[in-house]
Protein backbone atom coordinates (compact mmCIF):
# COMPACT_ATOMS: atom_id res chain seq x y z
CA MET A 1 -126.86 -62.66 8.20
CA GLY A 2 -126.19 -66.10 9.64
CA VAL A 3 -122.59 -66.01 8.39
CA VAL A 4 -122.04 -62.62 10.02
CA ALA A 5 -123.50 -63.85 13.31
CA ALA A 6 -121.41 -67.01 13.18
CA SER A 7 -118.22 -65.09 12.43
CA ALA A 8 -118.96 -62.76 15.35
CA LEU A 9 -119.15 -65.80 17.63
CA ALA A 10 -115.74 -67.08 16.52
CA TYR A 11 -113.87 -64.57 18.67
CA PRO A 12 -115.64 -65.44 21.95
CA VAL A 13 -114.88 -69.10 21.24
CA LEU A 14 -111.21 -68.18 20.78
CA VAL A 15 -111.17 -66.15 24.00
CA SER A 16 -112.79 -69.06 25.83
CA ALA A 17 -110.13 -71.43 24.51
CA VAL A 18 -107.32 -69.16 25.67
CA GLN A 19 -108.93 -68.71 29.09
CA LEU A 20 -109.33 -72.49 29.38
CA VAL A 21 -105.63 -72.98 28.69
CA VAL A 22 -104.74 -70.39 31.32
CA ALA A 23 -107.17 -71.87 33.87
CA GLN A 24 -105.93 -75.42 33.29
CA LEU A 25 -102.19 -75.01 32.84
CA PHE A 26 -101.07 -71.88 34.64
CA ILE A 27 -103.47 -71.19 37.50
CA VAL A 28 -105.27 -74.57 37.94
CA ASP A 29 -108.65 -73.11 38.89
CA VAL A 30 -111.47 -75.66 38.67
CA ALA A 31 -114.24 -73.08 38.89
CA ALA A 32 -112.72 -71.06 36.04
CA VAL A 33 -112.37 -74.21 33.93
CA VAL A 34 -116.05 -75.05 34.40
CA LEU A 35 -117.10 -71.45 33.70
CA TRP A 36 -115.04 -71.03 30.52
CA LEU A 37 -116.00 -74.49 29.30
CA ALA A 38 -119.67 -73.58 29.69
CA VAL A 39 -119.09 -70.30 27.84
CA ALA A 40 -117.28 -72.13 25.03
CA VAL A 41 -120.03 -74.73 24.69
CA ALA A 42 -122.73 -72.04 24.64
CA CYS A 43 -120.85 -70.05 21.98
CA CYS A 44 -120.33 -73.17 19.86
CA ILE A 45 -124.02 -74.06 20.05
CA ALA A 46 -124.95 -70.48 19.12
CA LEU A 47 -122.45 -70.55 16.25
CA VAL A 48 -123.95 -73.74 14.80
CA ALA A 49 -127.48 -72.39 15.28
CA ALA A 50 -126.56 -69.16 13.46
CA LEU A 51 -125.02 -71.10 10.57
CA ARG A 52 -128.04 -73.39 10.27
CA TRP A 53 -130.41 -70.41 10.40
CA GLY A 54 -128.40 -68.62 7.73
CA ALA A 55 -128.25 -71.70 5.52
CA GLN A 56 -132.04 -72.06 5.56
CA ARG A 57 -132.61 -68.52 4.32
CA ARG A 58 -132.24 -67.62 0.68
CA VAL A 59 -130.06 -64.68 -0.30
CA LEU A 60 -132.49 -62.19 -1.81
CA SER A 61 -129.95 -59.70 -3.11
CA PRO A 62 -126.58 -60.20 -4.79
CA TRP A 63 -125.42 -57.03 -2.98
CA LEU A 64 -125.45 -58.98 0.27
CA LEU A 65 -122.98 -61.45 -1.19
CA LEU A 66 -120.89 -58.59 -2.54
CA GLY A 67 -120.63 -57.24 1.01
CA LEU A 68 -118.73 -60.39 2.00
CA ALA A 69 -115.96 -59.62 -0.51
CA PRO A 70 -113.97 -57.03 1.50
CA PRO A 71 -113.60 -59.19 4.64
CA ALA A 72 -112.81 -62.23 2.51
CA LEU A 73 -110.16 -60.33 0.55
CA PHE A 74 -108.66 -59.00 3.78
CA GLU A 75 -108.43 -62.51 5.23
CA LEU A 76 -106.88 -63.76 1.99
CA TRP A 77 -104.36 -60.91 2.13
CA LEU A 78 -103.43 -61.96 5.67
CA VAL A 79 -102.86 -65.63 4.85
CA TRP A 80 -101.39 -65.16 1.37
CA PRO A 81 -97.74 -65.40 2.55
CA ARG A 82 -98.53 -68.80 4.08
CA LEU A 83 -100.34 -69.98 0.97
CA ALA A 84 -97.60 -68.80 -1.37
CA ALA A 85 -94.80 -70.45 0.63
C-alpha cells in the first residue's frame, strides 16, 4: 500500500515542478513560487513517509505483489524503445 500511495504522490510532485518552472521563468510570480515550492516539499515529505511506512509492513499475500505486475509491465512497455536503442 505504501508503494501505491508513493506512486500517487509522484504526479503532484511533477505538477508542482512544472508550475515552479512557469512561475519562475515565464511569469515571475514570487507568491506562486513560494506556494508551489511549499506544495512540492509537502508532497515529497508525504512520498517519503508513505515509502517508509510501506517498507516497515510485511506483505501478507503474494497476490498483492502480483497486482503490481500490470502497471510495471505497462511502464516497461512505454520505455522499451528507449531501452532497446
